Structure formats: C-alpha cells, structure tokens
PDB file of N, CA and C in Angstrom:
ATOM      1  N   MET A   1      77.605 278.101  63.856  1.00  0.00           N
ATOM      2  CA  MET A   1      78.546 277.111  64.353  1.00  0.00           C
ATOM      3  C   MET A   1      79.406 277.780  65.433  1.00  0.00           C
ATOM      4  N   THR A   2      79.517 277.120  66.553  1.00  0.00           N
ATOM      5  CA  THR A   2      80.303 277.691  67.635  1.00  0.00           C
ATOM      6  C   THR A   2      81.792 277.487  67.381  1.00  0.00           C
ATOM      7  N   GLU A   3      82.593 278.200  68.152  1.00  0.00           N
ATOM      8  CA  GLU A   3      84.037 278.107  67.996  1.00  0.00           C
ATOM      9  C   GLU A   3      84.552 276.707  68.305  1.00  0.00           C
ATOM     10  N   ILE A   4      83.966 276.061  69.298  1.00  0.00           N
ATOM     11  CA  ILE A   4      84.379 274.692  69.665  1.00  0.00           C
ATOM     12  C   ILE A   4      84.039 273.719  68.543  1.00  0.00           C
ATOM     13  N   GLU A   5      82.834 273.840  67.977  1.00  0.00           N
ATOM     14  CA  GLU A   5      82.440 272.956  66.875  1.00  0.00           C
ATOM     15  C   GLU A   5      83.333 273.167  65.656  1.00  0.00           C
ATOM     16  N   GLU A   6      83.678 274.420  65.383  1.00  0.00           N
ATOM     17  CA  GLU A   6      84.531 274.727  64.239  1.00  0.00           C
ATOM     18  C   GLU A   6      85.927 274.146  64.425  1.00  0.00           C
ATOM     19  N   THR A   7      86.474 274.258  65.626  1.00  0.00           N
ATOM     20  CA  THR A   7      87.792 273.696  65.925  1.00  0.00           C
ATOM     21  C   THR A   7      87.760 272.180  65.796  1.00  0.00           C
ATOM     22  N   THR A   8      86.711 271.549  66.313  1.00  0.00           N
ATOM     23  CA  THR A   8      86.568 270.096  66.218  1.00  0.00           C
ATOM     24  C   THR A   8      86.450 269.661  64.762  1.00  0.00           C
ATOM     25  N   SER A   9      85.688 270.413  63.971  1.00  0.00           N
ATOM     26  CA  SER A   9      85.514 270.086  62.558  1.00  0.00           C
ATOM     27  C   SER A   9      86.846 270.192  61.803  1.00  0.00           C
ATOM     28  N   LYS A  10      87.612 271.250  62.082  1.00  0.00           N
ATOM     29  CA  LYS A  10      88.911 271.410  61.412  1.00  0.00           C
ATOM     30  C   LYS A  10      89.875 270.305  61.829  1.00  0.00           C
ATOM     31  N   ARG A  11      89.826 269.909  63.094  1.00  0.00           N
ATOM     32  CA  ARG A  11      90.699 268.834  63.574  1.00  0.00           C
ATOM     33  C   ARG A  11      90.350 267.524  62.868  1.00  0.00           C
ATOM     34  N   LYS A  12      89.049 267.267  62.698  1.00  0.00           N
ATOM     35  CA  LYS A  12      88.624 266.028  62.029  1.00  0.00           C
ATOM     36  C   LYS A  12      89.109 265.983  60.585  1.00  0.00           C
ATOM     37  N   ILE A  13      89.036 267.103  59.883  1.00  0.00           N
ATOM     38  CA  ILE A  13      89.471 267.092  58.487  1.00  0.00           C
ATOM     39  C   ILE A  13      90.981 266.903  58.392  1.00  0.00           C
ATOM     40  N   TRP A  14      91.748 267.447  59.340  1.00  0.00           N
ATOM     41  CA  TRP A  14      93.204 267.234  59.335  1.00  0.00           C
ATOM     42  C   TRP A  14      93.538 265.788  59.641  1.00  0.00           C
ATOM     43  N   ILE A  15      92.790 265.171  60.552  1.00  0.00           N
ATOM     44  CA  ILE A  15      93.018 263.748  60.851  1.00  0.00           C
ATOM     45  C   ILE A  15      92.676 262.906  59.626  1.00  0.00           C
ATOM     46  N   ARG A  16      91.560 263.239  58.981  1.00  0.00           N
ATOM     47  CA  ARG A  16      91.201 262.516  57.761  1.00  0.00           C
ATOM     48  C   ARG A  16      92.275 262.715  56.694  1.00  0.00           C
ATOM     49  N   GLY A  17      92.796 263.927  56.582  1.00  0.00           N
ATOM     50  CA  GLY A  17      93.856 264.194  55.619  1.00  0.00           C
ATOM     51  C   GLY A  17      95.083 263.331  55.872  1.00  0.00           C
ATOM     52  N   PHE A  18      95.430 263.149  57.138  1.00  0.00           N
ATOM     53  CA  PHE A  18      96.552 262.272  57.483  1.00  0.00           C
ATOM     54  C   PHE A  18      96.270 260.846  57.026  1.00  0.00           C
ATOM     55  N   PHE A  19      95.055 260.355  57.309  1.00  0.00           N
ATOM     56  CA  PHE A  19      94.709 259.000  56.885  1.00  0.00           C
ATOM     57  C   PHE A  19      94.627 258.891  55.365  1.00  0.00           C
ATOM     58  N   MET A  20      94.206 259.942  54.704  1.00  0.00           N
ATOM     59  CA  MET A  20      94.168 259.925  53.237  1.00  0.00           C
ATOM     60  C   MET A  20      95.577 259.809  52.666  1.00  0.00           C
ATOM     61  N   LEU A  21      96.509 260.541  53.236  1.00  0.00           N
ATOM     62  CA  LEU A  21      97.900 260.450  52.793  1.00  0.00           C
ATOM     63  C   LEU A  21      98.448 259.046  53.016  1.00  0.00           C
ATOM     64  N   LEU A  22      98.177 258.492  54.185  1.00  0.00           N
ATOM     65  CA  LEU A  22      98.613 257.134  54.505  1.00  0.00           C
ATOM     66  C   LEU A  22      98.005 256.117  53.537  1.00  0.00           C
ATOM     67  N   MET A  23      96.702 256.235  53.293  1.00  0.00           N
ATOM     68  CA  MET A  23      96.030 255.273  52.413  1.00  0.00           C
ATOM     69  C   MET A  23      96.449 255.461  50.959  1.00  0.00           C
ATOM     70  N   ALA A  24      96.830 256.664  50.556  1.00  0.00           N
ATOM     71  CA  ALA A  24      97.330 256.870  49.195  1.00  0.00           C
ATOM     72  C   ALA A  24      98.652 256.129  48.995  1.00  0.00           C
ATOM     73  N   MET A  25      99.499 256.132  50.023  1.00  0.00           N
ATOM     74  CA  MET A  25     100.755 255.374  49.942  1.00  0.00           C
ATOM     75  C   MET A  25     100.473 253.868  49.905  1.00  0.00           C
ATOM     76  N   VAL A  26      99.519 253.419  50.698  1.00  0.00           N
ATOM     77  CA  VAL A  26      99.137 252.001  50.695  1.00  0.00           C
ATOM     78  C   VAL A  26      98.575 251.619  49.328  1.00  0.00           C
ATOM     79  N   TYR A  27      97.803 252.532  48.723  1.00  0.00           N
ATOM     80  CA  TYR A  27      97.240 252.292  47.394  1.00  0.00           C
ATOM     81  C   TYR A  27      98.350 252.029  46.367  1.00  0.00           C
ATOM     82  N   GLN A  28      99.403 252.821  46.429  1.00  0.00           N
ATOM     83  CA  GLN A  28     100.522 252.634  45.511  1.00  0.00           C
ATOM     84  C   GLN A  28     101.203 251.283  45.735  1.00  0.00           C
ATOM     85  N   LEU A  29     101.401 250.928  46.989  1.00  0.00           N
ATOM     86  CA  LEU A  29     102.010 249.638  47.317  1.00  0.00           C
ATOM     87  C   LEU A  29     101.117 248.481  46.864  1.00  0.00           C
ATOM     88  N   ALA A  30      99.817 248.595  47.126  1.00  0.00           N
ATOM     89  CA  ALA A  30      98.882 247.538  46.718  1.00  0.00           C
ATOM     90  C   ALA A  30      98.820 247.424  45.195  1.00  0.00           C
ATOM     91  N   GLY A  31      98.941 248.548  44.498  1.00  0.00           N
ATOM     92  CA  GLY A  31      98.973 248.505  43.035  1.00  0.00           C
ATOM     93  C   GLY A  31     100.187 247.758  42.519  1.00  0.00           C
ATOM     94  N   THR A  32     101.315 247.934  43.195  1.00  0.00           N
ATOM     95  CA  THR A  32     102.530 247.203  42.824  1.00  0.00           C
ATOM     96  C   THR A  32     102.346 245.705  43.061  1.00  0.00           C
ATOM     97  N   VAL A  33     101.738 245.359  44.190  1.00  0.00           N
ATOM     98  CA  VAL A  33     101.465 243.943  44.480  1.00  0.00           C
ATOM     99  C   VAL A  33     100.515 243.373  43.432  1.00  0.00           C
ATOM    100  N   MET A  34      99.498 244.148  43.035  1.00  0.00           N
ATOM    101  CA  MET A  34      98.565 243.693  42.003  1.00  0.00           C
ATOM    102  C   MET A  34      99.295 243.437  40.690  1.00  0.00           C
ATOM    103  N   PHE A  35     100.235 244.292  40.337  1.00  0.00           N
ATOM    104  CA  PHE A  35     101.016 244.109  39.118  1.00  0.00           C
ATOM    105  C   PHE A  35     101.822 242.809  39.188  1.00  0.00           C
ATOM    106  N   ILE A  36     102.444 242.548  40.328  1.00  0.00           N
ATOM    107  CA  ILE A  36     103.242 241.329  40.501  1.00  0.00           C
ATOM    108  C   ILE A  36     102.357 240.095  40.382  1.00  0.00           C
ATOM    109  N   VAL A  37     101.192 240.131  41.033  1.00  0.00           N
ATOM    110  CA  VAL A  37     100.256 239.000  40.946  1.00  0.00           C
ATOM    111  C   VAL A  37      99.804 238.803  39.508  1.00  0.00           C
ATOM    112  N   THR A  38      99.565 239.889  38.791  1.00  0.00           N
ATOM    113  CA  THR A  38      99.147 239.811  37.391  1.00  0.00           C
ATOM    114  C   THR A  38     100.200 239.129  36.528  1.00  0.00           C
ATOM    115  N   VAL A  39     101.449 239.508  36.701  1.00  0.00           N
ATOM    116  CA  VAL A  39     102.532 238.907  35.929  1.00  0.00           C
ATOM    117  C   VAL A  39     102.667 237.424  36.256  1.00  0.00           C
ATOM    118  N   ILE A  40     102.600 237.087  37.543  1.00  0.00           N
ATOM    119  CA  ILE A  40     102.703 235.679  37.940  1.00  0.00           C
ATOM    120  C   ILE A  40     101.561 234.873  37.339  1.00  0.00           C
ATOM    121  N   GLN A  41     100.350 235.403  37.401  1.00  0.00           N
ATOM    122  CA  GLN A  41      99.193 234.687  36.850  1.00  0.00           C
ATOM    123  C   GLN A  41      99.318 234.531  35.327  1.00  0.00           C
ATOM    124  N   PHE A  42      99.844 235.529  34.669  1.00  0.00           N
ATOM    125  CA  PHE A  42     100.023 235.433  33.225  1.00  0.00           C
ATOM    126  C   PHE A  42     101.011 234.331  32.876  1.00  0.00           C
ATOM    127  N   VAL A  43     102.124 234.284  33.608  1.00  0.00           N
ATOM    128  CA  VAL A  43     103.123 233.238  33.366  1.00  0.00           C
ATOM    129  C   VAL A  43     102.523 231.864  33.651  1.00  0.00           C
ATOM    130  N   LEU A  44     101.776 231.748  34.753  1.00  0.00           N
ATOM    131  CA  LEU A  44     101.143 230.468  35.075  1.00  0.00           C
ATOM    132  C   LEU A  44     100.123 230.070  34.014  1.00  0.00           C
ATOM    133  N   ALA A  45      99.407 231.035  33.458  1.00  0.00           N
ATOM    134  CA  ALA A  45      98.440 230.735  32.399  1.00  0.00           C
ATOM    135  C   ALA A  45      99.144 230.261  31.134  1.00  0.00           C
ATOM    136  N   LEU A  46     100.321 230.827  30.852  1.00  0.00           N
ATOM    137  CA  LEU A  46     101.090 230.372  29.691  1.00  0.00           C
ATOM    138  C   LEU A  46     101.578 228.937  29.877  1.00  0.00           C
ATOM    139  N   LEU A  47     101.981 228.611  31.107  1.00  0.00           N
ATOM    140  CA  LEU A  47     102.527 227.287  31.385  1.00  0.00           C
ATOM    141  C   LEU A  47     101.447 226.226  31.550  1.00  0.00           C
ATOM    142  N   ASP A  48     100.377 226.579  32.235  1.00  0.00           N
ATOM    143  CA  ASP A  48      99.332 225.579  32.480  1.00  0.00           C
ATOM    144  C   ASP A  48      98.008 226.273  32.771  1.00  0.00           C
ATOM    145  N   THR A  49      97.769 226.583  34.032  1.00  0.00           N
ATOM    146  CA  THR A  49      96.515 227.205  34.432  1.00  0.00           C
ATOM    147  C   THR A  49      96.762 228.171  35.594  1.00  0.00           C
ATOM    148  N   PRO A  50      96.010 229.264  35.668  1.00  0.00           N
ATOM    149  CA  PRO A  50      96.200 230.215  36.768  1.00  0.00           C
ATOM    150  C   PRO A  50      95.964 229.563  38.135  1.00  0.00           C
ATOM    151  N   ASN A  51      96.613 230.090  39.145  1.00  0.00           N
ATOM    152  CA  ASN A  51      96.524 229.584  40.507  1.00  0.00           C
ATOM    153  C   ASN A  51      95.235 230.086  41.156  1.00  0.00           C
ATOM    154  N   ASP A  52      94.428 229.159  41.694  1.00  0.00           N
ATOM    155  CA  ASP A  52      93.149 229.516  42.305  1.00  0.00           C
ATOM    156  C   ASP A  52      93.316 230.417  43.528  1.00  0.00           C
ATOM    157  N   ARG A  53      94.345 230.178  44.307  1.00  0.00           N
ATOM    158  CA  ARG A  53      94.567 231.009  45.496  1.00  0.00           C
ATOM    159  C   ARG A  53      94.958 232.436  45.110  1.00  0.00           C
ATOM    160  N   LEU A  54      95.743 232.571  44.045  1.00  0.00           N
ATOM    161  CA  LEU A  54      96.084 233.905  43.568  1.00  0.00           C
ATOM    162  C   LEU A  54      94.875 234.616  42.957  1.00  0.00           C
ATOM    163  N   ILE A  55      93.973 233.846  42.355  1.00  0.00           N
ATOM    164  CA  ILE A  55      92.733 234.425  41.831  1.00  0.00           C
ATOM    165  C   ILE A  55      91.925 235.026  42.978  1.00  0.00           C
ATOM    166  N   ALA A  56      91.759 234.265  44.064  1.00  0.00           N
ATOM    167  CA  ALA A  56      91.011 234.751  45.227  1.00  0.00           C
ATOM    168  C   ALA A  56      91.706 235.963  45.858  1.00  0.00           C
ATOM    169  N   PHE A  57      93.037 235.904  45.970  1.00  0.00           N
ATOM    170  CA  PHE A  57      93.782 237.029  46.517  1.00  0.00           C
ATOM    171  C   PHE A  57      93.628 238.264  45.636  1.00  0.00           C
ATOM    172  N   GLY A  58      93.690 238.077  44.325  1.00  0.00           N
ATOM    173  CA  GLY A  58      93.537 239.189  43.386  1.00  0.00           C
ATOM    174  C   GLY A  58      92.174 239.847  43.492  1.00  0.00           C
ATOM    175  N   ARG A  59      91.129 239.036  43.664  1.00  0.00           N
ATOM    176  CA  ARG A  59      89.787 239.599  43.840  1.00  0.00           C
ATOM    177  C   ARG A  59      89.717 240.441  45.110  1.00  0.00           C
ATOM    178  N   GLY A  60      90.248 239.894  46.203  1.00  0.00           N
ATOM    179  CA  GLY A  60      90.255 240.633  47.463  1.00  0.00           C
ATOM    180  C   GLY A  60      91.064 241.917  47.359  1.00  0.00           C
ATOM    181  N   LEU A  61      92.211 241.832  46.688  1.00  0.00           N
ATOM    182  CA  LEU A  61      93.066 243.003  46.513  1.00  0.00           C
ATOM    183  C   LEU A  61      92.374 244.060  45.660  1.00  0.00           C
ATOM    184  N   GLY A  62      91.659 243.619  44.642  1.00  0.00           N
ATOM    185  CA  GLY A  62      90.901 244.556  43.811  1.00  0.00           C
ATOM    186  C   GLY A  62      89.824 245.276  44.606  1.00  0.00           C
ATOM    187  N   ARG A  63      89.132 244.542  45.460  1.00  0.00           N
ATOM    188  CA  ARG A  63      88.120 245.163  46.322  1.00  0.00           C
ATOM    189  C   ARG A  63      88.772 246.124  47.322  1.00  0.00           C
ATOM    190  N   TYR A  64      89.949 245.761  47.798  1.00  0.00           N
ATOM    191  CA  TYR A  64      90.681 246.624  48.721  1.00  0.00           C
ATOM    192  C   TYR A  64      91.065 247.939  48.043  1.00  0.00           C
ATOM    193  N   LEU A  65      91.553 247.850  46.814  1.00  0.00           N
ATOM    194  CA  LEU A  65      91.893 249.057  46.057  1.00  0.00           C
ATOM    195  C   LEU A  65      90.646 249.920  45.844  1.00  0.00           C
ATOM    196  N   GLN A  66      89.509 249.274  45.612  1.00  0.00           N
ATOM    197  CA  GLN A  66      88.259 250.011  45.446  1.00  0.00           C
ATOM    198  C   GLN A  66      87.873 250.720  46.743  1.00  0.00           C
ATOM    199  N   GLN A  67      88.030 250.040  47.885  1.00  0.00           N
ATOM    200  CA  GLN A  67      87.725 250.661  49.168  1.00  0.00           C
ATOM    201  C   GLN A  67      88.611 251.884  49.411  1.00  0.00           C
ATOM    202  N   ILE A  68      89.895 251.757  49.087  1.00  0.00           N
ATOM    203  CA  ILE A  68      90.805 252.892  49.273  1.00  0.00           C
ATOM    204  C   ILE A  68      90.390 254.051  48.372  1.00  0.00           C
ATOM    205  N   ALA A  69      90.081 253.758  47.108  1.00  0.00           N
ATOM    206  CA  ALA A  69      89.666 254.816  46.183  1.00  0.00           C
ATOM    207  C   ALA A  69      88.391 255.499  46.680  1.00  0.00           C
ATOM    208  N   ASN A  70      87.451 254.729  47.208  1.00  0.00           N
ATOM    209  CA  ASN A  70      86.224 255.317  47.747  1.00  0.00           C
ATOM    210  C   ASN A  70      86.518 256.205  48.950  1.00  0.00           C
ATOM    211  N   PHE A  71      87.433 255.792  49.792  1.00  0.00           N
ATOM    212  CA  PHE A  71      87.801 256.609  50.955  1.00  0.00           C
ATOM    213  C   PHE A  71      88.501 257.893  50.515  1.00  0.00           C
ATOM    214  N   LEU A  72      89.423 257.775  49.573  1.00  0.00           N
ATOM    215  CA  LEU A  72      90.184 258.944  49.131  1.00  0.00           C
ATOM    216  C   LEU A  72      89.305 259.977  48.432  1.00  0.00           C
ATOM    217  N   THR A  73      88.240 259.545  47.775  1.00  0.00           N
ATOM    218  CA  THR A  73      87.364 260.461  47.049  1.00  0.00           C
ATOM    219  C   THR A  73      86.142 260.875  47.858  1.00  0.00           C
ATOM    220  N   PHE A  74      86.153 260.575  49.165  1.00  0.00           N
ATOM    221  CA  PHE A  74      85.074 260.935  50.089  1.00  0.00           C
ATOM    222  C   PHE A  74      83.762 260.220  49.776  1.00  0.00           C
ATOM    223  N   ALA A  75      83.802 259.127  49.007  1.00  0.00           N
ATOM    224  CA  ALA A  75      82.596 258.350  48.735  1.00  0.00           C
ATOM    225  C   ALA A  75      82.213 257.512  49.953  1.00  0.00           C
ATOM    226  N   GLU A  76      83.191 257.205  50.810  1.00  0.00           N
ATOM    227  CA  GLU A  76      82.954 256.459  52.044  1.00  0.00           C
ATOM    228  C   GLU A  76      83.765 257.080  53.168  1.00  0.00           C
ATOM    229  N   GLU A  77      83.250 256.941  54.378  1.00  0.00           N
ATOM    230  CA  GLU A  77      83.955 257.464  55.544  1.00  0.00           C
ATOM    231  C   GLU A  77      84.800 256.406  56.230  1.00  0.00           C
ATOM    232  N   ALA A  78      84.469 255.126  56.027  1.00  0.00           N
ATOM    233  CA  ALA A  78      85.190 254.037  56.694  1.00  0.00           C
ATOM    234  C   ALA A  78      86.615 253.934  56.155  1.00  0.00           C
ATOM    235  N   ILE A  79      87.581 253.895  57.070  1.00  0.00           N
ATOM    236  CA  ILE A  79      88.971 253.757  56.671  1.00  0.00           C
ATOM    237  C   ILE A  79      89.237 252.274  56.382  1.00  0.00           C
ATOM    238  N   PRO A  80      89.780 251.942  55.206  1.00  0.00           N
ATOM    239  CA  PRO A  80      90.014 250.540  54.845  1.00  0.00           C
ATOM    240  C   PRO A  80      91.062 249.853  55.733  1.00  0.00           C
ATOM    241  N   PHE A  81      91.274 248.563  55.473  1.00  0.00           N
ATOM    242  CA  PHE A  81      92.256 247.750  56.178  1.00  0.00           C
ATOM    243  C   PHE A  81      93.566 248.515  56.307  1.00  0.00           C
ATOM    244  N   PRO A  82      94.211 248.531  57.404  1.00  0.00           N
ATOM    245  CA  PRO A  82      94.118 247.712  58.602  1.00  0.00           C
ATOM    246  C   PRO A  82      93.184 248.278  59.672  1.00  0.00           C
ATOM    247  N   PHE A  83      92.431 249.322  59.337  1.00  0.00           N
ATOM    248  CA  PHE A  83      91.506 249.914  60.297  1.00  0.00           C
ATOM    249  C   PHE A  83      90.129 249.279  60.235  1.00  0.00           C
ATOM    250  N   SER A  84      89.907 248.408  59.295  1.00  0.00           N
ATOM    251  CA  SER A  84      88.688 247.608  59.182  1.00  0.00           C
ATOM    252  C   SER A  84      89.087 246.243  58.631  1.00  0.00           C
ATOM    253  N   ASP A  85      88.117 245.376  58.423  1.00  0.00           N
ATOM    254  CA  ASP A  85      88.419 244.019  57.958  1.00  0.00           C
ATOM    255  C   ASP A  85      88.874 244.013  56.504  1.00  0.00           C
ATOM    256  N   TRP A  86      89.707 243.022  56.165  1.00  0.00           N
ATOM    257  CA  TRP A  86      90.149 242.807  54.782  1.00  0.00           C
ATOM    258  C   TRP A  86      88.930 242.371  53.970  1.00  0.00           C
ATOM    259  N   PRO A  87      88.739 242.897  52.770  1.00  0.00           N
ATOM    260  CA  PRO A  87      87.581 242.499  51.959  1.00  0.00           C
ATOM    261  C   PRO A  87      87.657 241.038  51.526  1.00  0.00           C
ATOM    262  N   THR A  88      86.519 240.406  51.475  1.00  0.00           N
ATOM    263  CA  THR A  88      86.471 239.007  51.064  1.00  0.00           C
ATOM    264  C   THR A  88      86.569 238.922  49.545  1.00  0.00           C
ATOM    265  N   ALA A  89      86.934 237.750  49.067  1.00  0.00           N
ATOM    266  CA  ALA A  89      87.116 237.529  47.630  1.00  0.00           C
ATOM    267  C   ALA A  89      85.807 237.150  46.940  1.00  0.00           C
ATOM    268  N   GLU A  90      84.725 237.131  47.673  1.00  0.00           N
ATOM    269  CA  GLU A  90      83.435 236.698  47.099  1.00  0.00           C
ATOM    270  C   GLU A  90      82.683 237.817  46.475  1.00  0.00           C
TER     271      GLU A  90
END
C-alpha cells in the first residue's frame, strides 16, 4: 500500500467515525421518539384503537433504527437518513 493510499484510507475511517458519532446521537433521539410513540399508542389502545398513521410511522422508525444499527456495526456502508431516503413503512 502506498503512502497516498494509506493516508486516504485513514482519512476515510476518520470521516466514517464522525458519521458514526453523529448517527449514534440520532439513534438515541430516535429511540426517545419511539418510546413516546409507544406510550401514545398504548394509551390510544386503552381508550379505543391504535392510530393507523402512528403505526406506519412506528414501522418506518423501526426500520430507520435498524439502518442506523447496521451502519454503526459496519454491516452496511450507506449512511442512513438524512443522507439517504427515509425507510418506507411497508
């Protein structure tokens, strides 16, 4: 490996590390939002029936959390939302 390739490789891992730190903070925030949605859905289920729009949002949020976890554990290279599309609820 040449010196230029080694420098480029080290720079890439530091950039990825920055994005990993950023996405770890987003993961914590998204987990808090998931908790809030869970509580709201539970209350709605006690009163009548869960909200369909919150169900779809929860599915999308769950997939988003999965994408972040895959990125953080090096299972995927693609950086999740907002650097790519929001996952669909389907």
